[in-house]
């Protein structure tokens, strides 16, 4: 049994208190992680606040350190990837790729060139508008993408001059600890810290008076509580919350050509991503063609332990998530849904569920209206494009959406009508890149991550105003002469 009891350089967190970490492929405890005490939390935040005073001063040094962090992640990608698969469940190749993609985020923010916000110098005076860091940032990271989402928060926050404390989910603490171990020689003490522990660690971190911003990714329900916790101290917040993404297939699309892409846009990471297809609307006249083509992919997808060669879909990450997916599937089947593929848990150890394609479901069913966050895809027929768009938009969520067809201009016209922060054509996650903003409408969040916009979310504007500098320089020259 593995035991990890250190985080990044900073206050000593080895007090001996630990909590269990379960391998979702076996359902068994395989490691312990350190459980941070209230005293250790306070010491860590104070260390981050102290480090902020100097870390904010040298942008060139920060950029160099971000590049060093990217190199270190790439060099240890295999090592970190194995930890990620062991605690989260995804196939090892995807886990290793997540580490390399995270390095890309650090390099993007290292290389981001920032133009002055505003500069004016006239006979009346000098004015400049600059961006200042906020201070200590709390990055609260969920269990579905513990590597990538840590990088989404840490890279822009650090580039802007903040220090950051990452609090991973108690279901997946080991990846963040492995990253902290790799980066402990990259960043000065207190600049990059990882704290692990069960609830209410996240609540206490968010409420600490020295924390000036909370960047949270997780469920809408918890996100509302984070926003409420931030309000008394007027902390800045970025909330990337749930999604119930719709995809619309247009009349000119070919079922055989896109079935595989549609399947993986819904089932990647076992459906455990906020920005994946959760509802699929297809033309009524081709409904059976789409159902059968996608169901065939589902029936042939290889499910198993992410450490095994050739596995395409691992287990669900938690026992609670497996129970939720089973509840939704059982309820749908009891109400008359027909499984074109799957529909049941997989016998044996671990949190496995069959890739499931459901027909005879409709808007108003929980499997359609709620974010299932698992390997189930409901497929529904629509009458015309206006019907499909109206149904796609009839949701409290608005994170992502996609439109599929051969006439790209027309597909773009339809995509522009989706009420979602990201809208893609012939792909569902095309807009998730380091340089593009990622955020949601409605209940899917507040603010954005990534790109220049994500960087700005970790800053505050300051106006500098002074008398004309040229006049001052002339007076100084006269005095010296």
Protein backbone atom coordinates (compact mmCIF):
# COMPACT_ATOMS: atom_id res chain seq x y z
CA UNK A 1 0.00 0.00 0.00
CA UNK A 2 1.39 3.35 -1.07
CA UNK A 3 1.64 6.26 1.35
CA UNK A 4 2.23 9.83 0.25
CA UNK A 5 2.76 12.28 3.08
CA UNK A 6 4.38 15.38 1.61
CA UNK A 7 3.23 18.28 -0.49
CA UNK A 8 5.30 21.11 -1.92
CA UNK A 9 8.04 23.02 -0.14
CA UNK A 10 6.60 25.07 2.67
CA UNK A 11 5.14 24.37 6.11
CA UNK A 12 5.59 20.82 7.41
CA UNK A 13 2.45 18.84 6.61
CA UNK A 14 3.64 15.46 7.87
CA UNK A 15 1.51 15.29 11.01
CA UNK A 16 0.65 11.64 10.44
CA UNK A 17 -3.09 12.11 9.81
CA UNK A 18 -4.12 10.42 6.57
CA UNK A 19 -7.18 9.33 4.62
CA UNK A 20 -7.75 6.42 2.24
CA UNK A 21 -7.54 6.58 -1.54
CA UNK A 22 -9.41 3.95 -3.57
CA UNK A 23 -8.44 2.45 -6.94
CA UNK A 24 -11.73 2.60 -8.90
CA UNK A 25 -10.69 -0.36 -11.08
CA UNK A 26 -10.66 -2.62 -8.01
CA UNK A 27 -12.81 -0.76 -5.49
CA UNK A 28 -10.04 -1.26 -2.93
CA UNK A 29 -7.91 1.13 -0.90
CA UNK A 30 -4.41 1.31 -2.33
CA UNK A 31 -2.89 4.43 -0.76
CA UNK A 32 -3.19 7.08 1.92
CA UNK A 33 -2.87 10.81 1.47
CA UNK A 34 -2.11 13.41 4.16
CA UNK A 35 -5.11 15.01 5.83
CA UNK A 36 -4.32 18.67 6.34
CA UNK A 37 -5.20 20.06 9.78
CA UNK A 38 -6.66 23.55 10.36
CA UNK A 39 -3.31 24.67 11.79
CA UNK A 40 -1.44 23.41 8.73
CA UNK A 41 -3.93 25.11 6.44
CA UNK A 42 -3.41 28.43 8.18
CA UNK A 43 0.38 28.04 8.10
CA UNK A 44 0.29 27.21 4.38
CA UNK A 45 -1.87 30.20 3.48
CA UNK A 46 0.37 32.51 5.51
CA UNK A 47 3.44 31.08 3.78
CA UNK A 48 1.80 31.67 0.39
CA UNK A 49 0.96 35.25 1.39
CA UNK A 50 4.57 35.86 2.44
CA UNK A 51 5.91 34.35 -0.80
CA UNK A 52 3.55 36.56 -2.82
CA UNK A 53 5.38 39.70 -1.67
CA UNK A 54 8.48 38.81 -3.69
CA UNK A 55 7.03 36.45 -6.34
CA UNK A 56 4.93 39.29 -7.80
CA UNK A 57 7.94 41.53 -8.44
CA UNK A 58 9.85 39.77 -11.26
CA UNK A 59 7.84 38.82 -14.32
CA UNK A 60 10.85 37.56 -16.27
CA UNK A 61 11.66 35.16 -13.46
CA UNK A 62 8.06 33.96 -13.30
CA UNK A 63 8.04 33.23 -17.02
CA UNK A 64 11.29 31.30 -16.75
CA UNK A 65 9.91 29.24 -13.86
CA UNK A 66 6.75 28.40 -15.82
CA UNK A 67 8.93 27.04 -18.60
CA UNK A 68 10.90 24.99 -16.08
CA UNK A 69 7.64 23.61 -14.68
CA UNK A 70 6.55 22.54 -18.17
CA UNK A 71 9.85 20.76 -18.75
CA UNK A 72 9.60 19.00 -15.39
CA UNK A 73 6.06 17.79 -16.10
CA UNK A 74 7.09 16.44 -19.50
CA UNK A 75 10.06 14.65 -17.97
CA UNK A 76 7.88 12.96 -15.35
CA UNK A 77 4.76 12.39 -17.46
CA UNK A 78 4.93 8.59 -17.28
CA UNK A 79 5.36 8.65 -13.51
CA UNK A 80 2.51 11.10 -12.89
CA UNK A 81 0.30 9.37 -15.46
CA UNK A 82 0.45 6.08 -13.57
CA UNK A 83 -0.65 7.82 -10.39
CA UNK A 84 -3.50 9.50 -12.25
CA UNK A 85 -4.77 6.22 -13.72
CA UNK A 86 -4.51 4.43 -10.39
CA UNK A 87 -6.75 6.91 -8.57
CA UNK A 88 -9.00 8.27 -11.35
CA UNK A 89 -9.33 5.25 -13.64
CA UNK A 90 -8.76 6.65 -17.13
CA UNK A 91 -6.60 4.66 -19.59
CA UNK A 92 -2.89 5.16 -18.98
CA UNK A 93 -2.19 6.62 -22.43
CA UNK A 94 -4.82 9.32 -21.80
CA UNK A 95 -3.41 10.01 -18.35
CA UNK A 96 0.11 10.50 -19.69
CA UNK A 97 -1.29 12.71 -22.46
CA UNK A 98 -3.02 14.82 -19.78
CA UNK A 99 0.35 15.52 -18.16
CA UNK A 100 1.88 16.61 -21.46
CA UNK A 101 -1.14 18.78 -22.24
CA UNK A 102 -0.80 20.37 -18.81
CA UNK A 103 2.79 21.25 -19.68
CA UNK A 104 1.41 22.99 -22.78
CA UNK A 105 -0.64 25.29 -20.52
CA UNK A 106 2.46 26.32 -18.56
CA UNK A 107 4.34 27.03 -21.81
CA UNK A 108 1.45 29.01 -23.24
CA UNK A 109 1.39 31.34 -20.24
CA UNK A 110 5.18 31.56 -20.23
CA UNK A 111 5.05 32.77 -23.82
CA UNK A 112 1.95 34.96 -23.59
CA UNK A 113 2.85 38.48 -24.68
CA UNK A 114 0.88 41.11 -22.82
CA UNK A 115 0.42 44.51 -24.38
CA UNK A 116 0.00 47.54 -22.09
CA UNK A 117 -3.61 48.12 -21.13
CA UNK A 118 -3.42 51.89 -21.61
CA UNK A 119 -0.67 54.49 -21.69
CA UNK A 120 -0.92 58.23 -22.16
CA UNK A 121 1.62 60.99 -21.71
CA UNK A 122 0.75 64.59 -22.49
CA UNK A 123 1.69 68.06 -21.23
CA UNK A 124 -1.00 67.59 -18.57
CA UNK A 125 0.43 64.41 -17.09
CA UNK A 126 1.26 60.74 -17.29
CA UNK A 127 -1.38 57.96 -17.03
CA UNK A 128 -0.93 54.21 -17.23
CA UNK A 129 -3.36 51.36 -16.57
CA UNK A 130 -1.69 48.18 -15.34
CA UNK A 131 -2.77 44.78 -14.10
CA UNK A 132 -1.77 43.78 -10.60
CA UNK A 133 -1.97 40.28 -9.08
CA UNK A 134 -4.54 39.54 -6.42
CA UNK A 135 -2.48 37.63 -3.86
CA UNK A 136 -3.12 34.09 -2.64
CA UNK A 137 -5.36 32.05 -4.94
CA UNK A 138 -7.24 28.92 -3.90
CA UNK A 139 -7.60 26.47 -6.78
CA UNK A 140 -10.21 23.80 -6.00
CA UNK A 141 -9.92 20.92 -8.47
CA UNK A 142 -12.43 18.09 -9.14
CA UNK A 143 -11.80 14.37 -9.50
CA UNK A 144 -12.67 13.97 -13.18
CA UNK A 145 -9.67 15.89 -14.59
CA UNK A 146 -7.30 16.42 -11.65
CA UNK A 147 -4.20 17.02 -13.78
CA UNK A 148 -5.41 19.30 -16.54
CA UNK A 149 -7.61 21.48 -14.36
CA UNK A 150 -4.79 22.02 -11.88
CA UNK A 151 -2.69 23.40 -14.75
CA UNK A 152 -5.59 25.56 -16.00
CA UNK A 153 -5.59 27.30 -12.63
CA UNK A 154 -1.94 27.32 -11.65
CA UNK A 155 -0.33 28.50 -14.90
CA UNK A 156 -2.25 31.81 -15.37
CA UNK A 157 -2.37 32.53 -11.65
CA UNK A 158 1.40 32.18 -11.31
CA UNK A 159 2.16 34.12 -14.50
CA UNK A 160 0.08 37.02 -13.19
CA UNK A 161 2.16 37.11 -10.00
CA UNK A 162 -0.15 35.34 -7.57
CA UNK A 163 0.76 32.40 -5.39
CA UNK A 164 -1.56 29.40 -5.45
CA UNK A 165 -2.78 26.68 -3.14
CA UNK A 166 -4.35 23.73 -4.94
CA UNK A 167 -6.92 21.63 -3.11
CA UNK A 168 -7.68 18.47 -5.13
CA UNK A 169 -10.70 16.27 -4.61
CA UNK A 170 -10.27 13.76 -1.77
CA UNK A 171 -11.03 11.06 -4.36
CA UNK A 172 -7.97 12.03 -6.45
CA UNK A 173 -5.37 13.66 -4.21
CA UNK A 174 -2.34 11.70 -5.33
CA UNK A 175 -1.91 13.28 -8.77
CA UNK A 176 -1.65 16.75 -7.26
CA UNK A 177 0.79 15.46 -4.64
CA UNK A 178 2.91 13.87 -7.37
CA UNK A 179 2.92 17.16 -9.27
CA UNK A 180 3.91 19.05 -6.11
CA UNK A 181 6.79 16.64 -5.61
CA UNK A 182 7.99 17.14 -9.19
CA UNK A 183 7.70 20.94 -8.95
CA UNK A 184 9.14 21.40 -5.46
CA UNK A 185 12.52 22.39 -6.91
CA UNK A 186 10.95 24.63 -9.59
CA UNK A 187 9.08 27.18 -7.51
CA UNK A 188 10.23 29.02 -4.38
CA UNK A 189 8.67 27.92 -1.07
CA UNK A 190 5.07 29.01 -0.69
CA UNK A 191 4.50 29.84 -4.36
CA UNK A 192 2.90 26.52 -5.39
CA UNK A 193 1.34 24.43 -2.62
CA UNK A 194 -0.91 21.38 -2.59
CA UNK A 195 -3.14 20.65 0.40
CA UNK A 196 -5.12 17.42 0.61
CA UNK A 197 -7.83 16.22 2.90
CA UNK A 198 -11.52 15.38 3.17
CA UNK A 199 -14.26 17.92 3.72
CA UNK A 200 -14.42 20.57 5.07
CA UNK A 201 -10.86 21.40 3.94
CA UNK A 202 -12.09 23.16 0.80
CA UNK A 203 -14.59 25.24 2.77
CA UNK A 204 -11.93 26.32 5.25
CA UNK A 205 -9.47 27.21 2.49
CA UNK A 206 -12.11 29.26 0.65
CA UNK A 207 -13.00 31.11 3.85
CA UNK A 208 -9.44 31.99 4.91
CA UNK A 209 -9.12 35.78 5.08
CA UNK A 210 -5.77 35.87 3.25
CA UNK A 211 -7.16 34.06 0.20
CA UNK A 212 -8.15 36.71 -2.34
CA UNK A 213 -9.53 34.57 -5.16
CA UNK A 214 -11.20 31.19 -5.50
CA UNK A 215 -11.05 29.30 -8.77
CA UNK A 216 -13.44 26.38 -8.50
CA UNK A 217 -14.32 23.63 -10.94
CA UNK A 218 -17.09 21.23 -9.95
CA UNK A 219 -20.81 20.80 -9.65
CA UNK A 220 -23.24 23.69 -9.89
CA UNK A 221 -24.62 22.86 -6.44
CA UNK A 222 -21.22 23.15 -4.77
CA UNK A 223 -20.31 26.16 -6.93
CA UNK A 224 -23.23 28.10 -5.50
CA UNK A 225 -21.93 27.36 -2.00
CA UNK A 226 -18.43 28.53 -2.99
CA UNK A 227 -19.88 31.80 -4.28
CA UNK A 228 -21.78 32.27 -1.02
CA UNK A 229 -18.64 31.54 1.02
CA UNK A 230 -16.67 34.12 -0.98
CA UNK A 231 -19.25 36.88 -0.58
CA UNK A 232 -18.60 38.00 3.04
CA UNK A 233 -14.94 38.71 2.26
CA UNK A 234 -15.61 39.91 -1.32
CA UNK A 235 -13.17 37.38 -2.77
CA UNK A 236 -12.96 37.16 -6.53
CA UNK A 237 -14.37 33.94 -7.96
CA UNK A 238 -14.16 31.94 -11.17
CA UNK A 239 -16.69 29.13 -11.24
CA UNK A 240 -16.55 26.47 -13.96
CA UNK A 241 -19.60 24.37 -13.18
CA UNK A 242 -21.81 21.69 -14.63
CA UNK A 243 -22.93 21.15 -18.18
CA UNK A 244 -25.63 19.28 -20.04
CA UNK A 245 -24.22 19.74 -23.51
CA UNK A 246 -26.42 19.12 -26.52
CA UNK A 247 -25.28 18.06 -29.99
CA UNK A 248 -27.40 18.61 -33.09
CA UNK A 249 -26.85 16.49 -36.20
CA UNK A 250 -28.06 18.20 -39.39
CA UNK A 251 -29.87 16.60 -42.30
CA UNK A 252 -26.80 16.55 -44.57
CA UNK A 253 -24.60 14.55 -42.17
CA UNK A 254 -23.67 10.90 -42.80
CA UNK A 255 -24.33 8.51 -39.89
CA UNK A 256 -21.61 6.06 -40.88
CA UNK A 257 -19.02 8.82 -41.24
CA UNK A 258 -19.59 10.53 -37.88
CA UNK A 259 -20.87 7.81 -35.54
CA UNK A 260 -17.43 7.15 -34.06
CA UNK A 261 -16.74 10.84 -33.51
CA UNK A 262 -20.12 11.33 -31.88
CA UNK A 263 -19.56 8.37 -29.58
CA UNK A 264 -16.18 9.56 -28.32
CA UNK A 265 -17.42 13.13 -27.97
CA UNK A 266 -19.90 11.69 -25.46
CA UNK A 267 -17.95 8.85 -23.84
CA UNK A 268 -14.39 10.10 -23.51
CA UNK A 269 -13.18 9.72 -19.91
CA UNK A 270 -16.24 7.51 -19.44
CA UNK A 271 -18.48 10.55 -19.91
CA UNK A 272 -16.95 12.18 -16.84
CA UNK A 273 -16.26 15.59 -18.33
CA UNK A 274 -18.45 18.66 -18.13
CA UNK A 275 -17.89 19.54 -21.80
CA UNK A 276 -19.00 16.35 -23.51
CA UNK A 277 -22.17 15.48 -25.40
CA UNK A 278 -24.87 14.61 -22.86
CA UNK A 279 -27.89 14.86 -25.22
CA UNK A 280 -27.96 14.03 -28.93
CA UNK A 281 -30.61 15.34 -31.34
CA UNK A 282 -30.74 13.71 -34.80
CA UNK A 283 -33.10 14.08 -37.79
CA UNK A 284 -36.22 11.97 -37.39
CA UNK A 285 -35.89 10.38 -40.84
CA UNK A 286 -32.40 9.03 -40.00
CA UNK A 287 -33.03 8.26 -36.33
CA UNK A 288 -32.60 4.50 -36.54
CA UNK A 289 -29.45 4.86 -38.63
CA UNK A 290 -27.79 7.03 -36.01
CA UNK A 291 -28.90 4.86 -33.12
CA UNK A 292 -27.55 1.68 -34.65
CA UNK A 293 -24.27 3.23 -35.83
CA UNK A 294 -23.48 4.73 -32.43
CA UNK A 295 -24.69 1.64 -30.54
CA UNK A 296 -22.31 -0.49 -32.58
CA UNK A 297 -19.37 1.63 -31.43
CA UNK A 298 -20.61 1.31 -27.84
CA UNK A 299 -20.86 -2.46 -28.09
CA UNK A 300 -17.28 -2.79 -29.36
CA UNK A 301 -15.60 -0.30 -27.01
CA UNK A 302 -13.16 -2.05 -24.69
CA UNK A 303 -13.84 -1.37 -21.02
CA UNK A 304 -11.42 -2.34 -18.25
CA UNK A 305 -8.62 -1.39 -15.90
CA UNK A 306 -6.92 1.69 -17.29
CA UNK A 307 -3.53 0.09 -16.68
CA UNK A 308 -4.29 -2.73 -19.15
CA UNK A 309 -3.19 -2.50 -22.77
CA UNK A 310 -5.88 -1.68 -25.27
CA UNK A 311 -8.46 -0.44 -22.78
CA UNK A 312 -10.48 2.48 -24.16
CA UNK A 313 -12.79 3.20 -21.22
CA UNK A 314 -11.87 2.75 -17.58
CA UNK A 315 -14.14 2.62 -14.53
CA UNK A 316 -16.20 5.42 -13.13
CA UNK A 317 -14.07 7.22 -10.58
CA UNK A 318 -16.18 6.84 -7.45
CA UNK A 319 -18.69 4.41 -5.98
CA UNK A 320 -21.13 7.29 -5.62
CA UNK A 321 -20.90 8.06 -9.33
CA UNK A 322 -21.55 4.42 -10.22
CA UNK A 323 -24.61 4.43 -7.97
CA UNK A 324 -25.87 7.65 -9.60
CA UNK A 325 -25.47 6.27 -13.12
CA UNK A 326 -27.24 3.05 -12.16
CA UNK A 327 -30.08 5.06 -10.60
CA UNK A 328 -30.56 7.11 -13.75
CA UNK A 329 -30.39 4.06 -16.01
CA UNK A 330 -32.82 2.02 -13.89
CA UNK A 331 -35.28 4.90 -13.72
CA UNK A 332 -35.11 5.48 -17.48
CA UNK A 333 -35.65 1.80 -18.27
CA UNK A 334 -38.58 1.64 -15.85
CA UNK A 335 -40.15 4.61 -17.67
CA UNK A 336 -39.88 2.85 -21.03
CA UNK A 337 -36.41 3.73 -22.34
CA UNK A 338 -34.92 1.11 -24.62
CA UNK A 339 -31.16 0.40 -24.50
CA UNK A 340 -29.68 0.09 -27.96
CA UNK A 341 -26.47 -0.82 -26.16
CA UNK A 342 -25.53 -1.42 -22.53
CA UNK A 343 -27.75 -0.39 -19.64
CA UNK A 344 -26.16 -2.25 -16.74
CA UNK A 345 -23.20 -2.26 -14.36
CA UNK A 346 -20.45 -4.68 -15.29
CA UNK A 347 -20.10 -7.62 -12.92
CA UNK A 348 -16.91 -7.91 -10.91
CA UNK A 349 -14.72 -5.61 -8.87
CA UNK A 350 -14.45 -1.91 -9.53
CA UNK A 351 -16.86 0.79 -10.63
CA UNK A 352 -17.61 -0.32 -14.18
CA UNK A 353 -20.74 0.42 -16.23
CA UNK A 354 -21.52 -0.61 -19.79
CA UNK A 355 -21.34 2.12 -22.45
CA UNK A 356 -25.05 2.78 -22.82
CA UNK A 357 -27.11 4.24 -25.68
CA UNK A 358 -30.76 4.94 -24.82
CA UNK A 359 -33.73 5.41 -27.12
CA UNK A 360 -37.39 6.17 -26.39
CA UNK A 361 -36.44 9.02 -24.08
CA UNK A 362 -37.45 12.65 -24.32
CA UNK A 363 -36.94 16.09 -22.85
CA UNK A 364 -38.33 16.12 -19.33
CA UNK A 365 -36.77 12.77 -18.42
CA UNK A 366 -34.06 13.08 -15.79
CA UNK A 367 -31.58 11.29 -18.04
CA UNK A 368 -32.03 14.15 -20.52
CA UNK A 369 -32.51 17.13 -18.22
CA UNK A 370 -29.82 16.40 -15.64
CA UNK A 371 -26.08 16.08 -16.06
CA UNK A 372 -25.51 12.33 -15.89
CA UNK A 373 -21.69 12.59 -15.99
CA UNK A 374 -21.21 9.00 -17.02
CA UNK A 375 -21.30 6.52 -19.91
CA UNK A 376 -24.93 7.05 -20.99
CA UNK A 377 -26.11 8.86 -24.13
CA UNK A 378 -29.80 9.55 -24.79
CA UNK A 379 -30.59 9.98 -28.49
CA UNK A 380 -33.70 11.90 -29.56
CA UNK A 381 -35.30 12.76 -32.90
CA UNK A 382 -36.21 16.31 -33.93
CA UNK A 383 -38.71 17.66 -36.47
CA UNK A 384 -36.73 20.58 -37.90
CA UNK A 385 -33.76 22.76 -37.02
CA UNK A 386 -35.78 25.27 -35.04
CA UNK A 387 -37.16 22.42 -32.94
CA UNK A 388 -33.67 21.05 -32.32
CA UNK A 389 -32.22 24.43 -31.36
CA UNK A 390 -35.08 25.25 -29.03
CA UNK A 391 -34.73 21.90 -27.23
CA UNK A 392 -30.95 22.17 -27.06
CA UNK A 393 -31.26 25.61 -25.43
CA UNK A 394 -34.06 24.59 -23.02
CA UNK A 395 -31.67 23.89 -20.16
CA UNK A 396 -30.40 25.63 -17.06
CA UNK A 397 -26.91 24.78 -18.30
CA UNK A 398 -24.95 26.39 -21.10
CA UNK A 399 -21.39 25.10 -21.15
CA UNK A 400 -20.80 23.54 -24.56
CA UNK A 401 -22.63 22.41 -27.66
CA UNK A 402 -21.94 21.16 -31.15
CA UNK A 403 -23.45 20.98 -34.62
CA UNK A 404 -22.62 18.27 -37.14
CA UNK A 405 -23.03 18.52 -40.92
CA UNK A 406 -21.23 18.75 -44.25
CA UNK A 407 -22.19 22.35 -45.09
CA UNK A 408 -19.81 24.13 -42.71
CA UNK A 409 -21.23 27.60 -43.26
CA UNK A 410 -24.74 26.41 -42.48
CA UNK A 411 -23.53 24.44 -39.45
CA UNK A 412 -21.83 27.57 -38.16
CA UNK A 413 -25.08 29.50 -38.57
CA UNK A 414 -26.83 26.93 -36.39
CA UNK A 415 -23.96 26.83 -33.88
CA UNK A 416 -24.21 30.60 -33.37
CA UNK A 417 -27.73 30.06 -32.05
CA UNK A 418 -26.65 27.74 -29.23
CA UNK A 419 -26.76 29.25 -25.73
CA UNK A 420 -23.39 27.93 -24.68
CA UNK A 421 -19.93 29.20 -23.89
CA UNK A 422 -18.40 26.91 -26.53
CA UNK A 423 -20.05 25.86 -29.77
CA UNK A 424 -18.18 23.62 -32.20
CA UNK A 425 -18.81 22.22 -35.65
CA UNK A 426 -18.06 18.54 -36.38
CA UNK A 427 -16.26 18.24 -33.05
CA UNK A 428 -17.36 18.88 -29.51
CA UNK A 429 -14.22 20.12 -27.78
CA UNK A 430 -12.50 22.05 -30.56
CA UNK A 431 -12.59 25.23 -28.47
CA UNK A 432 -10.75 23.76 -25.47
CA UNK A 433 -7.22 25.05 -26.06
CA UNK A 434 -4.79 27.10 -23.99
CA UNK A 435 -5.34 30.30 -25.98
CA UNK A 436 -9.17 30.24 -26.10
CA UNK A 437 -11.59 31.27 -23.35
CA UNK A 438 -13.50 28.48 -21.65
CA UNK A 439 -16.60 29.23 -19.61
CA UNK A 440 -20.33 28.73 -19.49
CA UNK A 441 -23.66 30.48 -19.72
CA UNK A 442 -26.40 30.30 -17.07
CA UNK A 443 -25.78 27.66 -14.37
CA UNK A 444 -22.57 26.52 -16.06
CA UNK A 445 -20.44 29.13 -14.36
CA UNK A 446 -19.13 32.61 -13.79
CA UNK A 447 -16.05 33.92 -15.58
CA UNK A 448 -13.70 32.10 -17.93
CA UNK A 449 -10.45 30.19 -17.88
CA UNK A 450 -7.63 30.05 -20.45
CA UNK A 451 -6.25 32.53 -22.91
CA UNK A 452 -5.63 36.20 -22.21
CA UNK A 453 -9.10 36.28 -20.65
CA UNK A 454 -8.17 33.58 -18.13
CA UNK A 455 -5.01 35.46 -17.21
CA UNK A 456 -6.98 38.66 -16.63
CA UNK A 457 -9.25 36.82 -14.19
CA UNK A 458 -6.26 36.54 -11.84
CA UNK A 459 -5.55 40.27 -11.90
CA UNK A 460 -7.00 43.59 -10.82
CA UNK A 461 -6.70 46.90 -12.65
CA UNK A 462 -4.69 49.79 -11.27
CA UNK A 463 -4.54 53.31 -12.71
CA UNK A 464 -1.21 55.11 -12.25
CA UNK A 465 -1.34 58.87 -12.66
CA UNK A 466 1.49 61.38 -12.28
CA UNK A 467 2.57 64.85 -13.39
CA UNK A 468 4.21 65.02 -16.80
CA UNK A 469 7.47 63.09 -16.57
CA UNK A 470 9.17 65.14 -19.27
CA UNK A 471 8.73 68.31 -17.22
CA UNK A 472 10.19 66.55 -14.19
CA UNK A 473 13.15 65.34 -16.24
CA UNK A 474 13.78 68.88 -17.53
CA UNK A 475 13.78 70.28 -13.99
CA UNK A 476 16.18 67.56 -12.86
CA UNK A 477 18.53 68.37 -15.78
CA UNK A 478 18.44 72.08 -14.93
CA UNK A 479 19.21 71.36 -11.27
CA UNK A 480 22.19 69.17 -12.20
CA UNK A 481 23.55 71.85 -14.54
